[in-house]
């Protein structure tokens, strides 16, 4: 714990030592600091949507992580001497607390950045600081780089993976062979802005990127590497703002085919991120929710045929990206370019298979209706 102790204590998270004892008790930090990092109270103002104490809130998110990492049992959380202490159940590796504390240490840097943003009047009144709690921390398969979490994931669900966006991508992973119970371990999410905000304010978060960049880079370095083997997990970069951020933030550390010609890192482009002597394969993808806008007839003057055509194109790209993520995560070390080609062959652009998936999942047709509609797609 020496390395973690130095990190956390320098960040001010713990005021009187960092403890990982033989009895698997972890001191997360002082009550005030832990409350800030866990966005406590998550959804309580005058009337509380959920009546949860700080101990219950911390336990709730840590238990989500344990479950998604495949560990049985529940944590025990207590307040003592002004600090929050956690007891892990039997069967959880002794170094699991190291992963938790490294994550919270980076979270503390993000909270400090958020405070600075508030002082410079960048922070909005209806934003909430929200770290990606509840992710699989040790036994995940891939990393997802996204923009920001929707506010109801914090305020209502208290689950970072409960949203239309994550539900849709989980369904695509499942369609590509990932068992439903494993999809959360593929969706270990890092957002450019750890800010729970209304879904329609994405563009207003752009001024926060620079402040949060050290946090995001630290998180990518931490969560893109397997705890036991040191191998790199594949990463999917969702949406144009995220893809652009990668190029701008990493410079020569991030290479992709069009970089030398100044081309944007686009959907289904492959990139390689160099991190401390190891390489992380990165695939550009659409944002999971883009298809709902792309396939909206109102965007084309009410022309449903045109909306369907664009929607099928986006669906094909999403099926290829989720296929790549599923296969790369299941077989670490697989050649990313060869795997992308295999997925493109599995889901050919404009094919009947892609068309049917569009009409079933987006237009809500049953399989026979979708098959009939796709006899002449487009």
Protein backbone atom coordinates (compact mmCIF):
# COMPACT_ATOMS: atom_id res chain seq x y z
CA UNK A 1 0.00 0.00 0.00
CA UNK A 2 2.98 2.37 0.10
CA UNK A 3 2.48 3.57 -3.47
CA UNK A 4 -1.23 4.12 -2.93
CA UNK A 5 -0.64 5.77 0.43
CA UNK A 6 1.67 8.32 -1.13
CA UNK A 7 -0.81 9.11 -3.90
CA UNK A 8 -3.88 9.43 -1.73
CA UNK A 9 -2.31 11.33 1.13
CA UNK A 10 -0.64 13.85 -1.16
CA UNK A 11 -4.04 14.51 -2.68
CA UNK A 12 -5.44 15.15 0.77
CA UNK A 13 -8.02 12.39 0.67
CA UNK A 14 -6.76 10.83 3.89
CA UNK A 15 -5.68 12.96 6.80
CA UNK A 16 -4.24 10.35 9.12
CA UNK A 17 -2.79 7.43 7.21
CA UNK A 18 -4.00 4.93 4.65
CA UNK A 19 -4.80 1.54 6.10
CA UNK A 20 -5.06 -1.82 4.35
CA UNK A 21 -4.87 -4.25 7.22
CA UNK A 22 -4.65 -8.01 7.44
CA UNK A 23 -8.36 -8.03 8.25
CA UNK A 24 -9.08 -6.43 4.82
CA UNK A 25 -10.22 -3.14 6.31
CA UNK A 26 -9.76 -0.13 4.12
CA UNK A 27 -9.91 3.47 5.32
CA UNK A 28 -11.37 5.44 2.44
CA UNK A 29 -10.79 8.80 4.06
CA UNK A 30 -12.46 11.49 6.20
CA UNK A 31 -16.24 11.69 6.10
CA UNK A 32 -16.33 15.05 4.32
CA UNK A 33 -13.92 13.97 1.58
CA UNK A 34 -15.65 10.65 0.98
CA UNK A 35 -19.03 12.38 0.86
CA UNK A 36 -17.74 14.65 -1.89
CA UNK A 37 -16.26 11.81 -3.94
CA UNK A 38 -19.45 9.75 -3.68
CA UNK A 39 -21.69 12.74 -4.54
CA UNK A 40 -23.48 12.25 -1.24
CA UNK A 41 -26.36 12.74 -0.84
CA UNK A 42 -26.85 11.37 -4.35
CA UNK A 43 -30.47 12.40 -4.83
CA UNK A 44 -31.63 14.29 -1.80
CA UNK A 45 -32.68 17.92 -1.44
CA UNK A 46 -35.78 18.90 0.54
CA UNK A 47 -37.44 15.58 -0.25
CA UNK A 48 -35.19 12.57 -0.63
CA UNK A 49 -35.89 10.27 -3.57
CA UNK A 50 -33.90 7.53 -1.79
CA UNK A 51 -33.33 7.51 1.97
CA UNK A 52 -29.69 6.39 2.11
CA UNK A 53 -26.96 7.14 4.62
CA UNK A 54 -23.37 7.77 3.58
CA UNK A 55 -22.46 4.23 4.67
CA UNK A 56 -25.27 2.77 2.54
CA UNK A 57 -24.24 4.89 -0.44
CA UNK A 58 -20.60 3.78 -0.31
CA UNK A 59 -21.64 0.16 0.18
CA UNK A 60 -24.09 0.40 -2.69
CA UNK A 61 -21.43 1.42 -5.22
CA UNK A 62 -18.69 -0.87 -3.90
CA UNK A 63 -21.09 -3.81 -3.99
CA UNK A 64 -21.89 -2.96 -7.61
CA UNK A 65 -18.18 -3.14 -8.39
CA UNK A 66 -17.73 -6.44 -6.57
CA UNK A 67 -20.69 -7.98 -8.38
CA UNK A 68 -19.47 -6.79 -11.77
CA UNK A 69 -15.99 -8.11 -10.98
CA UNK A 70 -17.49 -11.50 -10.18
CA UNK A 71 -17.00 -11.54 -6.40
CA UNK A 72 -19.63 -12.78 -3.99
CA UNK A 73 -20.58 -11.16 -0.71
CA UNK A 74 -21.20 -7.64 0.51
CA UNK A 75 -18.95 -4.97 1.95
CA UNK A 76 -19.47 -3.62 5.46
CA UNK A 77 -19.08 0.15 5.78
CA UNK A 78 -18.85 2.05 9.06
CA UNK A 79 -17.96 5.51 10.32
CA UNK A 80 -15.30 5.67 13.01
CA UNK A 81 -13.07 8.47 14.27
CA UNK A 82 -14.36 10.78 11.57
CA UNK A 83 -13.40 8.40 8.78
CA UNK A 84 -15.18 5.98 6.46
CA UNK A 85 -13.96 2.40 6.81
CA UNK A 86 -14.73 -0.58 4.58
CA UNK A 87 -14.52 -4.29 5.31
CA UNK A 88 -14.41 -6.49 2.20
CA UNK A 89 -15.92 -9.99 2.17
CA UNK A 90 -13.86 -13.15 2.05
CA UNK A 91 -12.65 -14.06 -1.41
CA UNK A 92 -11.84 -10.51 -2.51
CA UNK A 93 -8.10 -10.21 -3.36
CA UNK A 94 -5.97 -8.24 -0.96
CA UNK A 95 -4.98 -5.77 -3.70
CA UNK A 96 -8.58 -4.88 -4.53
CA UNK A 97 -8.39 -2.01 -2.08
CA UNK A 98 -5.38 -0.71 -3.99
CA UNK A 99 -7.53 -0.37 -7.10
CA UNK A 100 -10.27 1.39 -5.12
CA UNK A 101 -7.87 3.86 -3.56
CA UNK A 102 -6.07 4.61 -6.84
CA UNK A 103 -9.45 5.38 -8.40
CA UNK A 104 -10.50 7.63 -5.50
CA UNK A 105 -7.14 9.39 -5.60
CA UNK A 106 -7.73 10.34 -9.22
CA UNK A 107 -11.30 11.23 -8.29
CA UNK A 108 -9.98 13.68 -5.72
CA UNK A 109 -8.00 15.45 -8.43
CA UNK A 110 -11.19 15.65 -10.52
CA UNK A 111 -13.12 17.11 -7.58
CA UNK A 112 -10.46 19.78 -7.11
CA UNK A 113 -10.73 20.61 -10.81
CA UNK A 114 -14.52 20.88 -10.46
CA UNK A 115 -14.08 23.31 -7.57
CA UNK A 116 -11.83 25.47 -9.76
CA UNK A 117 -14.40 25.39 -12.55
CA UNK A 118 -17.00 26.63 -10.10
CA UNK A 119 -14.78 29.48 -8.99
CA UNK A 120 -14.33 30.59 -12.60
CA UNK A 121 -18.10 30.39 -13.21
CA UNK A 122 -17.91 27.50 -15.68
CA UNK A 123 -19.91 25.15 -13.47
CA UNK A 124 -23.67 25.19 -14.05
CA UNK A 125 -26.32 25.21 -11.35
CA UNK A 126 -27.88 21.90 -12.49
CA UNK A 127 -24.66 19.87 -12.74
CA UNK A 128 -23.56 17.29 -10.16
CA UNK A 129 -20.05 15.92 -9.71
CA UNK A 130 -20.22 12.18 -10.43
CA UNK A 131 -17.35 9.72 -10.61
CA UNK A 132 -17.83 6.38 -12.42
CA UNK A 133 -18.60 4.39 -9.30
CA UNK A 134 -19.80 0.81 -9.52
CA UNK A 135 -17.62 -0.17 -12.48
CA UNK A 136 -15.81 -3.50 -12.65
CA UNK A 137 -12.38 -2.51 -11.33
CA UNK A 138 -10.25 -5.61 -11.66
CA UNK A 139 -11.87 -8.21 -13.91
CA UNK A 140 -13.23 -6.12 -16.76
CA UNK A 141 -12.77 -6.79 -20.47
CA UNK A 142 -12.61 -3.38 -22.11
CA UNK A 143 -12.82 0.37 -21.50
CA UNK A 144 -15.40 2.77 -22.91
CA UNK A 145 -14.46 6.43 -23.30
CA UNK A 146 -17.55 8.61 -23.34
CA UNK A 147 -18.59 12.24 -22.85
CA UNK A 148 -20.54 12.61 -19.58
CA UNK A 149 -23.08 10.61 -17.54
CA UNK A 150 -26.78 11.54 -17.65
CA UNK A 151 -28.06 13.09 -14.44
CA UNK A 152 -30.72 10.46 -13.82
CA UNK A 153 -28.04 7.76 -13.55
CA UNK A 154 -27.02 9.53 -10.34
CA UNK A 155 -30.19 11.19 -9.12
CA UNK A 156 -32.62 8.36 -9.83
CA UNK A 157 -30.88 5.07 -10.62
CA UNK A 158 -27.69 5.43 -8.57
CA UNK A 159 -26.17 3.20 -11.23
CA UNK A 160 -23.64 4.55 -13.74
CA UNK A 161 -24.66 1.80 -16.16
CA UNK A 162 -28.40 2.45 -16.08
CA UNK A 163 -29.32 4.67 -19.01
CA UNK A 164 -30.71 4.33 -22.53
CA UNK A 165 -27.18 4.76 -23.86
CA UNK A 166 -25.58 1.98 -21.84
CA UNK A 167 -28.61 -0.28 -22.22
CA UNK A 168 -28.46 -0.02 -25.98
CA UNK A 169 -24.74 -0.78 -26.12
CA UNK A 170 -25.14 -3.70 -23.74
CA UNK A 171 -27.78 -5.12 -26.10
CA UNK A 172 -25.35 -4.82 -29.02
CA UNK A 173 -22.61 -6.56 -27.04
CA UNK A 174 -25.06 -9.31 -26.19
CA UNK A 175 -25.99 -9.62 -29.85
CA UNK A 176 -22.29 -10.12 -30.55
CA UNK A 177 -21.92 -13.01 -28.15
CA UNK A 178 -21.35 -11.41 -24.75
CA UNK A 179 -23.59 -13.02 -22.11
CA UNK A 180 -25.98 -10.51 -20.56
CA UNK A 181 -24.48 -10.97 -17.11
CA UNK A 182 -21.03 -10.04 -18.49
CA UNK A 183 -21.96 -6.89 -20.40
CA UNK A 184 -21.33 -4.62 -17.36
CA UNK A 185 -17.73 -5.84 -17.21
CA UNK A 186 -17.26 -4.73 -20.83
CA UNK A 187 -18.67 -1.30 -20.04
CA UNK A 188 -16.06 0.09 -17.68
CA UNK A 189 -16.70 3.75 -18.49
CA UNK A 190 -14.48 6.81 -18.26
CA UNK A 191 -16.13 10.12 -19.15
CA UNK A 192 -14.31 13.25 -20.33
CA UNK A 193 -16.38 15.17 -17.79
CA UNK A 194 -17.31 13.50 -14.49
CA UNK A 195 -20.45 15.61 -14.45
CA UNK A 196 -24.00 14.29 -14.14
CA UNK A 197 -25.96 16.70 -16.31
CA UNK A 198 -29.12 16.82 -18.45
CA UNK A 199 -28.73 14.90 -21.69
CA UNK A 200 -29.07 18.01 -23.89
CA UNK A 201 -26.16 20.03 -22.47
CA UNK A 202 -23.24 18.11 -23.98
CA UNK A 203 -21.82 21.05 -25.93
CA UNK A 204 -21.76 23.19 -22.78
CA UNK A 205 -19.31 20.78 -21.16
CA UNK A 206 -16.54 21.47 -23.68
CA UNK A 207 -14.97 24.23 -21.52
CA UNK A 208 -14.42 21.67 -18.73
CA UNK A 209 -12.24 19.27 -20.74
CA UNK A 210 -8.91 20.96 -20.08
CA UNK A 211 -9.49 21.00 -16.32
CA UNK A 212 -10.42 17.31 -16.24
CA UNK A 213 -7.79 16.08 -18.72
CA UNK A 214 -5.22 15.05 -16.05
CA UNK A 215 -7.93 13.03 -14.30
CA UNK A 216 -9.10 11.37 -17.53
CA UNK A 217 -5.56 10.49 -18.59
CA UNK A 218 -4.89 9.01 -15.16
CA UNK A 219 -8.07 6.96 -15.36
CA UNK A 220 -7.23 5.65 -18.83
CA UNK A 221 -3.78 4.60 -17.63
CA UNK A 222 -5.27 2.89 -14.58
CA UNK A 223 -8.27 1.14 -16.10
CA UNK A 224 -6.78 0.19 -19.46
CA UNK A 225 -4.30 -2.19 -17.80
CA UNK A 226 -5.23 -5.59 -16.39
CA UNK A 227 -4.48 -5.73 -12.67
CA UNK A 228 -2.99 -9.22 -12.70
CA UNK A 229 -1.30 -9.63 -16.10
CA UNK A 230 -0.44 -6.05 -17.05
CA UNK A 231 -2.03 -6.57 -20.48
CA UNK A 232 -3.87 -3.69 -22.12
CA UNK A 233 -7.63 -3.74 -22.47
CA UNK A 234 -9.12 -2.53 -25.76
CA UNK A 235 -10.82 0.86 -25.65
CA UNK A 236 -13.74 2.24 -27.66
CA UNK A 237 -13.97 6.03 -28.13
CA UNK A 238 -17.63 7.01 -28.54
CA UNK A 239 -18.65 10.15 -30.37
CA UNK A 240 -16.90 12.99 -32.18
CA UNK A 241 -16.02 15.06 -29.07
CA UNK A 242 -14.30 12.05 -27.50
CA UNK A 243 -12.43 11.07 -30.65
CA UNK A 244 -11.26 14.66 -31.11
CA UNK A 245 -10.17 14.86 -27.46
CA UNK A 246 -7.95 11.80 -27.89
CA UNK A 247 -6.12 13.34 -30.83
CA UNK A 248 -5.69 16.72 -29.16
CA UNK A 249 -4.77 15.43 -25.69
CA UNK A 250 -2.23 12.75 -26.56
CA UNK A 251 -0.53 14.13 -29.66
CA UNK A 252 2.16 11.75 -30.91
CA UNK A 253 1.22 9.20 -28.24
CA UNK A 254 -1.94 8.48 -30.21
CA UNK A 255 -1.48 7.21 -33.75
CA UNK A 256 -4.07 6.34 -36.39
CA UNK A 257 -4.00 5.97 -40.15
CA UNK A 258 -5.13 9.50 -41.02
CA UNK A 259 -3.00 11.30 -38.44
CA UNK A 260 -0.16 12.20 -40.82
CA UNK A 261 -2.63 13.75 -43.27
CA UNK A 262 -4.44 15.69 -40.56
CA UNK A 263 -7.63 13.70 -40.96
CA UNK A 264 -10.04 13.33 -38.08
CA UNK A 265 -10.14 10.12 -36.07
CA UNK A 266 -13.46 8.83 -37.35
CA UNK A 267 -15.99 6.08 -36.72
CA UNK A 268 -14.44 2.62 -37.27
CA UNK A 269 -10.94 4.10 -37.46
CA UNK A 270 -8.34 2.17 -35.47
CA UNK A 271 -5.77 3.91 -33.31
CA UNK A 272 -2.94 2.97 -30.98
CA UNK A 273 -2.33 4.77 -27.70
CA UNK A 274 1.17 4.49 -26.24
CA UNK A 275 1.08 4.42 -22.43
CA UNK A 276 4.25 3.77 -20.47
CA UNK A 277 5.72 1.23 -22.86
CA UNK A 278 2.49 -0.58 -23.63
CA UNK A 279 -0.04 -0.12 -26.41
CA UNK A 280 -3.79 0.29 -26.08
CA UNK A 281 -5.87 -0.49 -29.16
CA UNK A 282 -8.58 2.15 -29.67
CA UNK A 283 -11.56 2.00 -32.01
CA UNK A 284 -13.54 5.08 -32.97
CA UNK A 285 -17.32 4.62 -32.72
CA UNK A 286 -20.56 6.54 -32.91
CA UNK A 287 -22.04 7.66 -29.65
CA UNK A 288 -24.52 4.90 -28.69
CA UNK A 289 -27.41 7.38 -28.78
CA UNK A 290 -26.53 8.88 -32.16
CA UNK A 291 -28.76 6.46 -34.01
CA UNK A 292 -31.90 7.94 -32.44
CA UNK A 293 -31.05 11.31 -33.96
CA UNK A 294 -29.76 9.86 -37.23
CA UNK A 295 -32.96 7.84 -37.71
CA UNK A 296 -35.40 10.59 -36.70
CA UNK A 297 -37.64 11.47 -39.69
CA UNK A 298 -37.99 15.02 -38.35
CA UNK A 299 -34.31 15.54 -39.22
CA UNK A 300 -35.20 14.95 -42.89
CA UNK A 301 -38.42 16.91 -43.21
CA UNK A 302 -40.52 13.91 -42.23
CA UNK A 303 -38.94 11.63 -44.86
CA UNK A 304 -39.05 8.22 -43.12
CA UNK A 305 -37.34 6.46 -46.01
CA UNK A 306 -34.31 8.71 -45.79
CA UNK A 307 -34.24 8.40 -42.00
CA UNK A 308 -34.31 4.62 -42.29
CA UNK A 309 -31.47 4.63 -44.80
CA UNK A 310 -29.22 6.72 -42.54
CA UNK A 311 -30.27 4.71 -39.50
CA UNK A 312 -29.32 1.43 -41.16
CA UNK A 313 -25.90 2.88 -41.99
CA UNK A 314 -25.33 3.90 -38.37
CA UNK A 315 -26.64 0.55 -37.13
CA UNK A 316 -24.09 -1.24 -39.30
CA UNK A 317 -21.25 0.82 -37.85
CA UNK A 318 -22.48 0.18 -34.31
CA UNK A 319 -22.74 -3.56 -34.90
CA UNK A 320 -19.16 -3.67 -36.21
CA UNK A 321 -17.84 -1.57 -33.28
CA UNK A 322 -19.60 -3.67 -30.64
CA UNK A 323 -18.43 -6.86 -32.36
CA UNK A 324 -14.83 -5.61 -32.24
CA UNK A 325 -15.16 -4.70 -28.57
CA UNK A 326 -16.70 -8.06 -27.69
CA UNK A 327 -14.04 -10.10 -29.49
CA UNK A 328 -11.06 -7.98 -28.43
CA UNK A 329 -12.17 -8.03 -24.81
CA UNK A 330 -12.66 -11.79 -24.78
CA UNK A 331 -9.27 -12.44 -26.40
CA UNK A 332 -6.75 -9.89 -25.15
CA UNK A 333 -3.82 -9.49 -27.48
CA UNK A 334 -5.81 -10.22 -30.66
CA UNK A 335 -4.66 -8.25 -33.70
CA UNK A 336 -7.07 -5.26 -33.73
CA UNK A 337 -7.01 -4.71 -37.51
CA UNK A 338 -7.66 -8.36 -38.29
CA UNK A 339 -10.49 -8.41 -35.76
CA UNK A 340 -12.05 -5.29 -37.27
CA UNK A 341 -12.00 -6.92 -40.70
CA UNK A 342 -13.68 -10.04 -39.32
CA UNK A 343 -16.42 -7.93 -37.75
CA UNK A 344 -16.97 -6.00 -40.97
CA UNK A 345 -17.36 -9.33 -42.75
CA UNK A 346 -19.82 -10.48 -40.10
CA UNK A 347 -21.91 -7.30 -40.43
CA UNK A 348 -21.51 -6.15 -44.05
CA UNK A 349 -22.62 -2.58 -44.65
CA UNK A 350 -26.18 -2.42 -45.95
CA UNK A 351 -26.74 -6.15 -45.52
CA UNK A 352 -30.05 -7.76 -44.70
CA UNK A 353 -28.73 -8.75 -41.27
CA UNK A 354 -27.91 -5.13 -40.42
CA UNK A 355 -31.23 -3.94 -41.82
CA UNK A 356 -33.21 -6.41 -39.73
CA UNK A 357 -31.41 -5.37 -36.56
CA UNK A 358 -32.24 -1.74 -37.27
CA UNK A 359 -35.94 -2.38 -37.74
CA UNK A 360 -36.16 -4.64 -34.72
CA UNK A 361 -34.25 -2.48 -32.23
CA UNK A 362 -34.98 1.06 -33.49
CA UNK A 363 -38.34 0.76 -35.25
CA UNK A 364 -39.58 -1.92 -32.83
CA UNK A 365 -40.76 -4.37 -35.49
CA UNK A 366 -40.93 -8.06 -34.72
CA UNK A 367 -38.47 -10.38 -36.53
CA UNK A 368 -40.88 -11.40 -39.28
CA UNK A 369 -41.93 -7.80 -39.92
CA UNK A 370 -38.28 -6.70 -40.01
CA UNK A 371 -37.39 -9.51 -42.42
CA UNK A 372 -40.21 -8.51 -44.74
CA UNK A 373 -39.23 -4.83 -44.58
CA UNK A 374 -35.61 -5.69 -45.39
CA UNK A 375 -36.29 -7.68 -48.53
CA UNK A 376 -35.50 -4.44 -50.36
CA UNK A 377 -33.56 -2.32 -47.81
CA UNK A 378 -33.18 1.29 -48.91
